[in-house]
PDB file of N, CA and C in Angstrom:
ATOM      1  N   ILE A   1    -137.402   5.594-105.660  1.00  0.00           N
ATOM      2  CA  ILE A   1    -136.485   6.669-105.313  1.00  0.00           C
ATOM      3  C   ILE A   1    -137.227   7.801-104.607  1.00  0.00           C
ATOM      4  N   LEU A   2    -138.433   8.123-105.099  1.00  0.00           N
ATOM      5  CA  LEU A   2    -139.195   9.199-104.462  1.00  0.00           C
ATOM      6  C   LEU A   2    -139.603   8.833-103.038  1.00  0.00           C
ATOM      7  N   THR A   3    -139.901   7.559-102.810  1.00  0.00           N
ATOM      8  CA  THR A   3    -140.260   7.128-101.457  1.00  0.00           C
ATOM      9  C   THR A   3    -139.082   7.309-100.506  1.00  0.00           C
ATOM     10  N   VAL A   4    -137.911   6.898-100.939  1.00  0.00           N
ATOM     11  CA  VAL A   4    -136.713   7.045-100.107  1.00  0.00           C
ATOM     12  C   VAL A   4    -136.425   8.519 -99.866  1.00  0.00           C
ATOM     13  N   LEU A   5    -136.563   9.339-100.900  1.00  0.00           N
ATOM     14  CA  LEU A   5    -136.352  10.777-100.752  1.00  0.00           C
ATOM     15  C   LEU A   5    -137.373  11.379 -99.781  1.00  0.00           C
ATOM     16  N   GLY A   6    -138.635  10.974 -99.908  1.00  0.00           N
ATOM     17  CA  GLY A   6    -139.669  11.469 -98.999  1.00  0.00           C
ATOM     18  C   GLY A   6    -139.404  11.074 -97.560  1.00  0.00           C
ATOM     19  N   ILE A   7    -139.009   9.824 -97.339  1.00  0.00           N
ATOM     20  CA  ILE A   7    -138.694   9.366 -95.984  1.00  0.00           C
ATOM     21  C   ILE A   7    -137.495  10.128 -95.429  1.00  0.00           C
ATOM     22  N   ALA A   8    -136.492  10.370 -96.265  1.00  0.00           N
ATOM     23  CA  ALA A   8    -135.313  11.116 -95.816  1.00  0.00           C
ATOM     24  C   ALA A   8    -135.682  12.538 -95.415  1.00  0.00           C
ATOM     25  N   ILE A   9    -136.558  13.163 -96.179  1.00  0.00           N
ATOM     26  CA  ILE A   9    -136.991  14.526 -95.840  1.00  0.00           C
ATOM     27  C   ILE A   9    -137.753  14.531 -94.524  1.00  0.00           C
ATOM     28  N   VAL A  10    -138.639  13.558 -94.339  1.00  0.00           N
ATOM     29  CA  VAL A  10    -139.406  13.480 -93.088  1.00  0.00           C
ATOM     30  C   VAL A  10    -138.475  13.240 -91.906  1.00  0.00           C
ATOM     31  N   VAL A  11    -137.514  12.331 -92.057  1.00  0.00           N
ATOM     32  CA  VAL A  11    -136.570  12.044 -90.972  1.00  0.00           C
ATOM     33  C   VAL A  11    -135.723  13.272 -90.656  1.00  0.00           C
ATOM     34  N   TRP A  12    -135.421  14.084 -91.644  1.00  0.00           N
ATOM     35  CA  TRP A  12    -134.614  15.284 -91.437  1.00  0.00           C
ATOM     36  C   TRP A  12    -135.439  16.416 -90.833  1.00  0.00           C
ATOM     37  N   VAL A  13    -136.697  16.582 -91.283  1.00  0.00           N
ATOM     38  CA  VAL A  13    -137.509  17.732 -90.878  1.00  0.00           C
ATOM     39  C   VAL A  13    -138.282  17.472 -89.586  1.00  0.00           C
ATOM     40  N   LEU A  14    -138.809  16.280 -89.404  1.00  0.00           N
ATOM     41  CA  LEU A  14    -139.679  15.998 -88.259  1.00  0.00           C
ATOM     42  C   LEU A  14    -139.023  16.278 -86.906  1.00  0.00           C
ATOM     43  N   PRO A  15    -137.778  15.880 -86.655  1.00  0.00           N
ATOM     44  CA  PRO A  15    -137.177  16.226 -85.352  1.00  0.00           C
ATOM     45  C   PRO A  15    -137.073  17.732 -85.125  1.00  0.00           C
ATOM     46  N   GLN A  16    -136.809  18.487 -86.184  1.00  0.00           N
ATOM     47  CA  GLN A  16    -136.734  19.938 -86.045  1.00  0.00           C
ATOM     48  C   GLN A  16    -138.102  20.529 -85.711  1.00  0.00           C
ATOM     49  N   ILE A  17    -139.139  20.012 -86.340  1.00  0.00           N
ATOM     50  CA  ILE A  17    -140.496  20.495 -86.056  1.00  0.00           C
ATOM     51  C   ILE A  17    -140.892  20.150 -84.625  1.00  0.00           C
ATOM     52  N   ILE A  18    -140.597  18.928 -84.197  1.00  0.00           N
ATOM     53  CA  ILE A  18    -140.921  18.523 -82.822  1.00  0.00           C
ATOM     54  C   ILE A  18    -140.160  19.390 -81.823  1.00  0.00           C
ATOM     55  N   ASN A  19    -138.892  19.646 -82.105  1.00  0.00           N
ATOM     56  CA  ASN A  19    -138.090  20.493 -81.227  1.00  0.00           C
ATOM     57  C   ASN A  19    -138.689  21.893 -81.142  1.00  0.00           C
ATOM     58  N   TRP A  20    -139.054  22.476 -82.279  1.00  0.00           N
ATOM     59  CA  TRP A  20    -139.611  23.831 -82.308  1.00  0.00           C
ATOM     60  C   TRP A  20    -141.000  23.877 -81.664  1.00  0.00           C
ATOM     61  N   ALA A  21    -141.867  22.932 -82.020  1.00  0.00           N
ATOM     62  CA  ALA A  21    -143.267  22.997 -81.603  1.00  0.00           C
ATOM     63  C   ALA A  21    -143.503  22.553 -80.164  1.00  0.00           C
ATOM     64  N   PHE A  22    -142.662  21.676 -79.642  1.00  0.00           N
ATOM     65  CA  PHE A  22    -142.946  21.125 -78.318  1.00  0.00           C
ATOM     66  C   PHE A  22    -141.816  21.333 -77.314  1.00  0.00           C
ATOM     67  N   ILE A  23    -140.602  20.985 -77.693  1.00  0.00           N
ATOM     68  CA  ILE A  23    -139.506  20.998 -76.727  1.00  0.00           C
ATOM     69  C   ILE A  23    -139.077  22.419 -76.377  1.00  0.00           C
ATOM     70  N   ASN A  24    -138.842  23.257 -77.382  1.00  0.00           N
ATOM     71  CA  ASN A  24    -138.421  24.639 -77.131  1.00  0.00           C
ATOM     72  C   ASN A  24    -139.593  25.601 -76.995  1.00  0.00           C
ATOM     73  N   ALA A  25    -140.791  25.105 -77.034  1.00  0.00           N
ATOM     74  CA  ALA A  25    -141.969  25.969 -77.023  1.00  0.00           C
ATOM     75  C   ALA A  25    -142.202  26.589 -75.653  1.00  0.00           C
ATOM     76  N   VAL A  26    -142.831  27.754 -75.676  1.00  0.00           N
ATOM     77  CA  VAL A  26    -143.284  28.414 -74.454  1.00  0.00           C
ATOM     78  C   VAL A  26    -144.783  28.156 -74.365  1.00  0.00           C
ATOM     79  N   TRP A  27    -145.219  27.548 -73.267  1.00  0.00           N
ATOM     80  CA  TRP A  27    -146.611  27.131 -73.151  1.00  0.00           C
ATOM     81  C   TRP A  27    -147.463  28.129 -72.380  1.00  0.00           C
ATOM     82  N   THR A  28    -146.894  28.825 -71.421  1.00  0.00           N
ATOM     83  CA  THR A  28    -147.674  29.760 -70.611  1.00  0.00           C
ATOM     84  C   THR A  28    -146.904  31.053 -70.441  1.00  0.00           C
ATOM     85  N   GLY A  29    -147.624  32.089 -70.131  1.00  0.00           N
ATOM     86  CA  GLY A  29    -146.984  33.369 -69.872  1.00  0.00           C
ATOM     87  C   GLY A  29    -147.995  34.494 -69.884  1.00  0.00           C
ATOM     88  N   PRO A  30    -147.684  35.586 -69.175  1.00  0.00           N
ATOM     89  CA  PRO A  30    -148.635  36.689 -69.066  1.00  0.00           C
ATOM     90  C   PRO A  30    -148.642  37.630 -70.268  1.00  0.00           C
ATOM     91  N   ASP A  31    -147.513  37.730 -70.971  1.00  0.00           N
ATOM     92  CA  ASP A  31    -147.452  38.663 -72.098  1.00  0.00           C
ATOM     93  C   ASP A  31    -146.439  38.166 -73.120  1.00  0.00           C
ATOM     94  N   ARG A  32    -146.200  38.981 -74.142  1.00  0.00           N
ATOM     95  CA  ARG A  32    -145.346  38.546 -75.244  1.00  0.00           C
ATOM     96  C   ARG A  32    -143.875  38.436 -74.881  1.00  0.00           C
ATOM     97  N   THR A  33    -143.461  39.010 -73.770  1.00  0.00           N
ATOM     98  CA  THR A  33    -142.037  38.973 -73.423  1.00  0.00           C
ATOM     99  C   THR A  33    -141.548  37.562 -73.126  1.00  0.00           C
ATOM    100  N   VAL A  34    -142.440  36.642 -72.791  1.00  0.00           N
ATOM    101  CA  VAL A  34    -142.012  35.264 -72.546  1.00  0.00           C
ATOM    102  C   VAL A  34    -141.569  34.583 -73.834  1.00  0.00           C
ATOM    103  N   CYS A  35    -141.934  35.148 -74.974  1.00  0.00           N
ATOM    104  CA  CYS A  35    -141.590  34.546 -76.261  1.00  0.00           C
ATOM    105  C   CYS A  35    -140.563  35.353 -77.046  1.00  0.00           C
ATOM    106  N   THR A  36    -140.018  36.398 -76.469  1.00  0.00           N
ATOM    107  CA  THR A  36    -139.045  37.218 -77.182  1.00  0.00           C
ATOM    108  C   THR A  36    -137.656  37.014 -76.592  1.00  0.00           C
ATOM    109  N   THR A  37    -136.651  37.279 -77.420  1.00  0.00           N
ATOM    110  CA  THR A  37    -135.266  37.099 -76.975  1.00  0.00           C
ATOM    111  C   THR A  37    -134.804  38.322 -76.194  1.00  0.00           C
ATOM    112  N   ALA A  38    -133.652  38.194 -75.577  1.00  0.00           N
ATOM    113  CA  ALA A  38    -133.117  39.289 -74.757  1.00  0.00           C
ATOM    114  C   ALA A  38    -132.892  40.546 -75.586  1.00  0.00           C
ATOM    115  N   SER A  39    -132.420  40.395 -76.820  1.00  0.00           N
ATOM    116  CA  SER A  39    -132.198  41.578 -77.660  1.00  0.00           C
ATOM    117  C   SER A  39    -133.510  42.238 -78.073  1.00  0.00           C
ATOM    118  N   GLN A  40    -134.613  41.512 -77.966  1.00  0.00           N
ATOM    119  CA  GLN A  40    -135.936  42.065 -78.265  1.00  0.00           C
ATOM    120  C   GLN A  40    -136.634  42.567 -77.008  1.00  0.00           C
ATOM    121  N   GLY A  41    -135.973  42.474 -75.894  1.00  0.00           N
ATOM    122  CA  GLY A  41    -136.552  42.921 -74.633  1.00  0.00           C
ATOM    123  C   GLY A  41    -137.267  41.831 -73.872  1.00  0.00           C
ATOM    124  N   GLY A  42    -137.059  40.582 -74.246  1.00  0.00           N
ATOM    125  CA  GLY A  42    -137.737  39.470 -73.589  1.00  0.00           C
ATOM    126  C   GLY A  42    -136.820  38.692 -72.675  1.00  0.00           C
ATOM    127  N   ILE A  43    -137.247  37.482 -72.342  1.00  0.00           N
ATOM    128  CA  ILE A  43    -136.506  36.675 -71.375  1.00  0.00           C
ATOM    129  C   ILE A  43    -135.765  35.504 -72.004  1.00  0.00           C
ATOM    130  N   GLN A  44    -136.014  35.191 -73.269  1.00  0.00           N
ATOM    131  CA  GLN A  44    -135.348  34.066 -73.922  1.00  0.00           C
ATOM    132  C   GLN A  44    -133.944  34.471 -74.369  1.00  0.00           C
ATOM    133  N   PRO A  45    -133.002  33.519 -74.390  1.00  0.00           N
ATOM    134  CA  PRO A  45    -131.644  33.853 -74.846  1.00  0.00           C
ATOM    135  C   PRO A  45    -131.638  34.178 -76.342  1.00  0.00           C
ATOM    136  N   ASP A  46    -130.698  34.999 -76.756  1.00  0.00           N
ATOM    137  CA  ASP A  46    -130.582  35.336 -78.174  1.00  0.00           C
ATOM    138  C   ASP A  46    -130.342  34.066 -78.990  1.00  0.00           C
ATOM    139  N   GLY A  47    -130.977  33.985 -80.137  1.00  0.00           N
ATOM    140  CA  GLY A  47    -130.875  32.804 -80.981  1.00  0.00           C
ATOM    141  C   GLY A  47    -131.926  31.756 -80.672  1.00  0.00           C
ATOM    142  N   TRP A  48    -132.737  31.975 -79.647  1.00  0.00           N
ATOM    143  CA  TRP A  48    -133.777  31.018 -79.282  1.00  0.00           C
ATOM    144  C   TRP A  48    -134.862  30.999 -80.344  1.00  0.00           C
ATOM    145  N   THR A  49    -135.338  29.813 -80.669  1.00  0.00           N
ATOM    146  CA  THR A  49    -136.506  29.670 -81.537  1.00  0.00           C
ATOM    147  C   THR A  49    -137.422  28.631 -80.929  1.00  0.00           C
ATOM    148  N   GLY A  50    -138.689  28.877 -81.001  1.00  0.00           N
ATOM    149  CA  GLY A  50    -139.678  27.945 -80.486  1.00  0.00           C
ATOM    150  C   GLY A  50    -141.065  28.509 -80.668  1.00  0.00           C
ATOM    151  N   ALA A  51    -142.038  27.627 -80.617  1.00  0.00           N
ATOM    152  CA  ALA A  51    -143.423  28.054 -80.762  1.00  0.00           C
ATOM    153  C   ALA A  51    -143.852  28.841 -79.530  1.00  0.00           C
ATOM    154  N   CYS A  52    -144.716  29.819 -79.747  1.00  0.00           N
ATOM    155  CA  CYS A  52    -145.209  30.650 -78.644  1.00  0.00           C
ATOM    156  C   CYS A  52    -146.677  30.309 -78.405  1.00  0.00           C
ATOM    157  N   TRP A  53    -146.918  29.191 -77.727  1.00  0.00           N
ATOM    158  CA  TRP A  53    -148.291  28.752 -77.485  1.00  0.00           C
ATOM    159  C   TRP A  53    -148.999  29.664 -76.494  1.00  0.00           C
ATOM    160  N   ALA A  54    -148.258  30.398 -75.681  1.00  0.00           N
ATOM    161  CA  ALA A  54    -148.886  31.369 -74.775  1.00  0.00           C
ATOM    162  C   ALA A  54    -149.598  32.440 -75.593  1.00  0.00           C
ATOM    163  N   PHE A  55    -148.979  32.886 -76.676  1.00  0.00           N
ATOM    164  CA  PHE A  55    -149.593  33.876 -77.556  1.00  0.00           C
ATOM    165  C   PHE A  55    -150.809  33.281 -78.262  1.00  0.00           C
ATOM    166  N   VAL A  56    -150.672  32.052 -78.733  1.00  0.00           N
ATOM    167  CA  VAL A  56    -151.794  31.391 -79.409  1.00  0.00           C
ATOM    168  C   VAL A  56    -152.967  31.252 -78.453  1.00  0.00           C
ATOM    169  N   ASN A  57    -152.690  30.876 -77.206  1.00  0.00           N
ATOM    170  CA  ASN A  57    -153.754  30.749 -76.217  1.00  0.00           C
ATOM    171  C   ASN A  57    -154.416  32.094 -75.939  1.00  0.00           C
ATOM    172  N   ALA A  58    -153.615  33.139 -75.831  1.00  0.00           N
ATOM    173  CA  ALA A  58    -154.164  34.465 -75.535  1.00  0.00           C
ATOM    174  C   ALA A  58    -154.993  35.005 -76.695  1.00  0.00           C
ATOM    175  N   LYS A  59    -154.621  34.688 -77.920  1.00  0.00           N
ATOM    176  CA  LYS A  59    -155.294  35.227 -79.107  1.00  0.00           C
ATOM    177  C   LYS A  59    -156.176  34.205 -79.815  1.00  0.00           C
ATOM    178  N   PHE A  60    -156.498  33.098 -79.161  1.00  0.00           N
ATOM    179  CA  PHE A  60    -157.257  32.034 -79.813  1.00  0.00           C
ATOM    180  C   PHE A  60    -158.601  32.522 -80.348  1.00  0.00           C
ATOM    181  N   GLY A  61    -159.305  33.315 -79.571  1.00  0.00           N
ATOM    182  CA  GLY A  61    -160.587  33.848 -80.030  1.00  0.00           C
ATOM    183  C   GLY A  61    -160.446  34.678 -81.290  1.00  0.00           C
ATOM    184  N   GLN A  62    -159.390  35.453 -81.373  1.00  0.00           N
ATOM    185  CA  GLN A  62    -159.167  36.263 -82.569  1.00  0.00           C
ATOM    186  C   GLN A  62    -158.778  35.390 -83.759  1.00  0.00           C
ATOM    187  N   PHE A  63    -158.006  34.335 -83.530  1.00  0.00           N
ATOM    188  CA  PHE A  63    -157.660  33.425 -84.616  1.00  0.00           C
ATOM    189  C   PHE A  63    -158.903  32.742 -85.172  1.00  0.00           C
ATOM    190  N   MET A  64    -159.822  32.380 -84.297  1.00  0.00           N
ATOM    191  CA  MET A  64    -161.011  31.651 -84.726  1.00  0.00           C
ATOM    192  C   MET A  64    -162.081  32.551 -85.338  1.00  0.00           C
ATOM    193  N   PHE A  65    -162.265  33.749 -84.779  1.00  0.00           N
ATOM    194  CA  PHE A  65    -163.388  34.593 -85.172  1.00  0.00           C
ATOM    195  C   PHE A  65    -162.986  35.932 -85.772  1.00  0.00           C
ATOM    196  N   GLY A  66    -161.706  36.244 -85.799  1.00  0.00           N
ATOM    197  CA  GLY A  66    -161.276  37.545 -86.306  1.00  0.00           C
ATOM    198  C   GLY A  66    -161.747  38.647 -85.379  1.00  0.00           C
ATOM    199  N   THR A  67    -162.292  39.703 -85.957  1.00  0.00           N
ATOM    200  CA  THR A  67    -162.764  40.830 -85.147  1.00  0.00           C
ATOM    201  C   THR A  67    -164.263  40.751 -84.887  1.00  0.00           C
ATOM    202  N   TYR A  68    -164.847  39.563 -85.072  1.00  0.00           N
ATOM    203  CA  TYR A  68    -166.276  39.374 -84.819  1.00  0.00           C
ATOM    204  C   TYR A  68    -166.563  39.716 -83.356  1.00  0.00           C
ATOM    205  N   PRO A  69    -167.628  40.455 -83.074  1.00  0.00           N
ATOM    206  CA  PRO A  69    -167.916  40.860 -81.688  1.00  0.00           C
ATOM    207  C   PRO A  69    -168.076  39.651 -80.759  1.00  0.00           C
ATOM    208  N   ILE A  70    -167.516  39.756 -79.581  1.00  0.00           N
ATOM    209  CA  ILE A  70    -167.536  38.639 -78.636  1.00  0.00           C
ATOM    210  C   ILE A  70    -168.963  38.230 -78.286  1.00  0.00           C
ATOM    211  N   GLU A  71    -169.837  39.205 -78.108  1.00  0.00           N
ATOM    212  CA  GLU A  71    -171.216  38.877 -77.728  1.00  0.00           C
ATOM    213  C   GLU A  71    -172.009  38.233 -78.861  1.00  0.00           C
ATOM    214  N   GLU A  72    -171.486  38.240 -80.085  1.00  0.00           N
ATOM    215  CA  GLU A  72    -172.169  37.639 -81.234  1.00  0.00           C
ATOM    216  C   GLU A  72    -171.492  36.360 -81.720  1.00  0.00           C
ATOM    217  N   ARG A  73    -170.504  35.876 -81.021  1.00  0.00           N
ATOM    218  CA  ARG A  73    -169.767  34.690 -81.471  1.00  0.00           C
ATOM    219  C   ARG A  73    -170.596  33.424 -81.422  1.00  0.00           C
ATOM    220  N   TRP A  74    -171.725  33.450 -80.752  1.00  0.00           N
ATOM    221  CA  TRP A  74    -172.581  32.286 -80.714  1.00  0.00           C
ATOM    222  C   TRP A  74    -173.111  31.966 -82.109  1.00  0.00           C
ATOM    223  N   ARG A  75    -173.194  32.953 -82.973  1.00  0.00           N
ATOM    224  CA  ARG A  75    -173.738  32.725 -84.315  1.00  0.00           C
ATOM    225  C   ARG A  75    -172.833  31.835 -85.166  1.00  0.00           C
ATOM    226  N   PRO A  76    -171.546  32.176 -85.338  1.00  0.00           N
ATOM    227  CA  PRO A  76    -170.712  31.259 -86.126  1.00  0.00           C
ATOM    228  C   PRO A  76    -170.526  29.900 -85.458  1.00  0.00           C
ATOM    229  N   ILE A  77    -170.572  29.866 -84.132  1.00  0.00           N
ATOM    230  CA  ILE A  77    -170.483  28.576 -83.444  1.00  0.00           C
ATOM    231  C   ILE A  77    -171.702  27.728 -83.776  1.00  0.00           C
ATOM    232  N   LEU A  78    -172.884  28.336 -83.765  1.00  0.00           N
ATOM    233  CA  LEU A  78    -174.114  27.621 -84.101  1.00  0.00           C
ATOM    234  C   LEU A  78    -174.067  27.100 -85.533  1.00  0.00           C
ATOM    235  N   VAL A  79    -173.607  27.915 -86.463  1.00  0.00           N
ATOM    236  CA  VAL A  79    -173.521  27.484 -87.860  1.00  0.00           C
ATOM    237  C   VAL A  79    -172.539  26.323 -88.001  1.00  0.00           C
ATOM    238  N   ALA A  80    -171.411  26.373 -87.299  1.00  0.00           N
ATOM    239  CA  ALA A  80    -170.441  25.278 -87.366  1.00  0.00           C
ATOM    240  C   ALA A  80    -171.030  23.988 -86.803  1.00  0.00           C
ATOM    241  N   VAL A  81    -171.759  24.088 -85.700  1.00  0.00           N
ATOM    242  CA  VAL A  81    -172.388  22.905 -85.108  1.00  0.00           C
ATOM    243  C   VAL A  81    -173.450  22.342 -86.050  1.00  0.00           C
ATOM    244  N   LEU A  82    -174.274  23.215 -86.639  1.00  0.00           N
ATOM    245  CA  LEU A  82    -175.282  22.756 -87.599  1.00  0.00           C
ATOM    246  C   LEU A  82    -174.632  22.107 -88.815  1.00  0.00           C
ATOM    247  N   PHE A  83    -173.550  22.697 -89.303  1.00  0.00           N
ATOM    248  CA  PHE A  83    -172.847  22.136 -90.457  1.00  0.00           C
ATOM    249  C   PHE A  83    -172.355  20.725 -90.163  1.00  0.00           C
ATOM    250  N   VAL A  84    -171.725  20.538 -89.020  1.00  0.00           N
ATOM    251  CA  VAL A  84    -171.222  19.211 -88.655  1.00  0.00           C
ATOM    252  C   VAL A  84    -172.382  18.244 -88.454  1.00  0.00           C
ATOM    253  N   ALA A  85    -173.453  18.714 -87.793  1.00  0.00           N
ATOM    254  CA  ALA A  85    -174.607  17.851 -87.539  1.00  0.00           C
ATOM    255  C   ALA A  85    -175.284  17.417 -88.835  1.00  0.00           C
ATOM    256  N   LEU A  86    -175.245  18.245 -89.866  1.00  0.00           N
ATOM    257  CA  LEU A  86    -175.839  17.882 -91.147  1.00  0.00           C
ATOM    258  C   LEU A  86    -174.857  17.148 -92.055  1.00  0.00           C
ATOM    259  N   LEU A  87    -173.577  17.382 -91.888  1.00  0.00           N
ATOM    260  CA  LEU A  87    -172.578  16.741 -92.743  1.00  0.00           C
ATOM    261  C   LEU A  87    -172.319  15.294 -92.342  1.00  0.00           C
ATOM    262  N   VAL A  88    -172.253  15.015 -91.067  1.00  0.00           N
ATOM    263  CA  VAL A  88    -171.926  13.664 -90.606  1.00  0.00           C
ATOM    264  C   VAL A  88    -172.914  12.629 -91.134  1.00  0.00           C
ATOM    265  N   PRO A  89    -174.236  12.854 -91.075  1.00  0.00           N
ATOM    266  CA  PRO A  89    -175.147  11.859 -91.652  1.00  0.00           C
ATOM    267  C   PRO A  89    -174.974  11.684 -93.164  1.00  0.00           C
ATOM    268  N   MET A  90    -174.505  12.711 -93.857  1.00  0.00           N
ATOM    269  CA  MET A  90    -174.265  12.576 -95.295  1.00  0.00           C
ATOM    270  C   MET A  90    -173.081  11.649 -95.574  1.00  0.00           C
ATOM    271  N   LEU A  91    -172.171  11.538 -94.631  1.00  0.00           N
ATOM    272  CA  LEU A  91    -170.980  10.711 -94.821  1.00  0.00           C
ATOM    273  C   LEU A  91    -171.185   9.262 -94.399  1.00  0.00           C
ATOM    274  N   ILE A  92    -172.265   8.982 -93.687  1.00  0.00           N
ATOM    275  CA  ILE A  92    -172.556   7.624 -93.237  1.00  0.00           C
ATOM    276  C   ILE A  92    -173.472   6.977 -94.270  1.00  0.00           C
ATOM    277  N   PRO A  93    -173.039   5.877 -94.889  1.00  0.00           N
ATOM    278  CA  PRO A  93    -173.787   5.314 -96.018  1.00  0.00           C
ATOM    279  C   PRO A  93    -175.212   4.866 -95.700  1.00  0.00           C
ATOM    280  N   ARG A  94    -175.487   4.321 -94.551  1.00  0.00           N
ATOM    281  CA  ARG A  94    -176.796   3.718 -94.286  1.00  0.00           C
ATOM    282  C   ARG A  94    -177.789   4.628 -93.571  1.00  0.00           C
ATOM    283  N   VAL A  95    -177.499   5.885 -93.458  1.00  0.00           N
ATOM    284  CA  VAL A  95    -178.428   6.807 -92.804  1.00  0.00           C
ATOM    285  C   VAL A  95    -179.593   7.086 -93.756  1.00  0.00           C
ATOM    286  N   PRO A  96    -180.843   6.944 -93.276  1.00  0.00           N
ATOM    287  CA  PRO A  96    -181.991   7.199 -94.160  1.00  0.00           C
ATOM    288  C   PRO A  96    -182.215   8.699 -94.394  1.00  0.00           C
ATOM    289  N   ARG A  97    -183.032   8.998 -95.373  1.00  0.00           N
ATOM    290  CA  ARG A  97    -183.449  10.363 -95.731  1.00  0.00           C
ATOM    291  C   ARG A  97    -182.271  11.267 -96.090  1.00  0.00           C
ATOM    292  N   LYS A  98    -181.381  10.769 -96.908  1.00  0.00           N
ATOM    293  CA  LYS A  98    -180.242  11.585 -97.333  1.00  0.00           C
ATOM    294  C   LYS A  98    -180.693  12.759 -98.188  1.00  0.00           C
ATOM    295  N   GLY A  99    -181.793  12.607 -98.914  1.00  0.00           N
ATOM    296  CA  GLY A  99    -182.294  13.707 -99.743  1.00  0.00           C
ATOM    297  C   GLY A  99    -182.694  14.902 -98.893  1.00  0.00           C
ATOM    298  N   LEU A 100    -183.433  14.651 -97.826  1.00  0.00           N
ATOM    299  CA  LEU A 100    -183.829  15.730 -96.919  1.00  0.00           C
ATOM    300  C   LEU A 100    -182.603  16.341 -96.249  1.00  0.00           C
ATOM    301  N   ASN A 101    -181.689  15.489 -95.848  1.00  0.00           N
ATOM    302  CA  ASN A 101    -180.473  15.976 -95.210  1.00  0.00           C
ATOM    303  C   ASN A 101    -179.660  16.838 -96.176  1.00  0.00           C
ATOM    304  N   ALA A 102    -179.561  16.403 -97.434  1.00  0.00           N
ATOM    305  CA  ALA A 102    -178.831  17.182 -98.437  1.00  0.00           C
ATOM    306  C   ALA A 102    -179.521  18.516 -98.684  1.00  0.00           C
ATOM    307  N   LEU A 103    -180.839  18.515 -98.721  1.00  0.00           N
ATOM    308  CA  LEU A 103    -181.590  19.757 -98.907  1.00  0.00           C
ATOM    309  C   LEU A 103    -181.308  20.725 -97.758  1.00  0.00           C
ATOM    310  N   LEU A 104    -181.330  20.223 -96.547  1.00  0.00           N
ATOM    311  CA  LEU A 104    -181.036  21.077 -95.395  1.00  0.00           C
ATOM    312  C   LEU A 104    -179.598  21.587 -95.431  1.00  0.00           C
ATOM    313  N   LEU A 105    -178.670  20.713 -95.808  1.00  0.00           N
ATOM    314  CA  LEU A 105    -177.254  21.087 -95.811  1.00  0.00           C
ATOM    315  C   LEU A 105    -176.929  22.103 -96.899  1.00  0.00           C
ATOM    316  N   PHE A 106    -177.455  21.889 -98.109  1.00  0.00           N
ATOM    317  CA  PHE A 106    -177.051  22.720 -99.245  1.00  0.00           C
ATOM    318  C   PHE A 106    -177.991  23.880 -99.549  1.00  0.00           C
ATOM    319  N   VAL A 107    -179.211  23.853 -98.995  1.00  0.00           N
ATOM    320  CA  VAL A 107    -180.162  24.933 -99.273  1.00  0.00           C
ATOM    321  C   VAL A 107    -180.487  25.724 -98.008  1.00  0.00           C
ATOM    322  N   ALA A 108    -180.892  25.033 -96.954  1.00  0.00           N
ATOM    323  CA  ALA A 108    -181.328  25.739 -95.746  1.00  0.00           C
ATOM    324  C   ALA A 108    -180.155  26.318 -94.953  1.00  0.00           C
ATOM    325  N   LEU A 109    -179.077  25.562 -94.794  1.00  0.00           N
ATOM    326  CA  LEU A 109    -177.956  26.042 -93.986  1.00  0.00           C
ATOM    327  C   LEU A 109    -177.320  27.312 -94.545  1.00  0.00           C
ATOM    328  N   PRO A 110    -177.104  27.444 -95.850  1.00  0.00           N
ATOM    329  CA  PRO A 110    -176.534  28.710 -96.342  1.00  0.00           C
ATOM    330  C   PRO A 110    -177.414  29.930 -96.067  1.00  0.00           C
ATOM    331  N   VAL A 111    -178.725  29.721 -95.932  1.00  0.00           N
ATOM    332  CA  VAL A 111    -179.621  30.838 -95.631  1.00  0.00           C
ATOM    333  C   VAL A 111    -179.447  31.284 -94.186  1.00  0.00           C
ATOM    334  N   VAL A 112    -179.164  30.324 -93.309  1.00  0.00           N
ATOM    335  CA  VAL A 112    -178.974  30.638 -91.894  1.00  0.00           C
ATOM    336  C   VAL A 112    -177.754  31.507 -91.769  1.00  0.00           C
TER     337      VAL A 112
END
């Protein structure tokens, strides 16, 4: 019964999500008015709903780094790259020297 209920929920919700996220979405635009309705001072008809990917694209750096200074963003990027570079060998069963890799991942990386 739970499987049928879960499938019914997915069949009911998924088309609405696809419609909102892709079909009715605004992909490009110079400012926020491309994503606002006419009553809000924008160009979309009243009652319009859709994802505003133009806003996400414009604010992507802020979503990823917050208010971290732009000239210093190389630091969290470096840490993320090091984390992935040290984590991937830990997930592969036949990679040698897992002890050294674990030491670097759990001791050295947090110091960086």
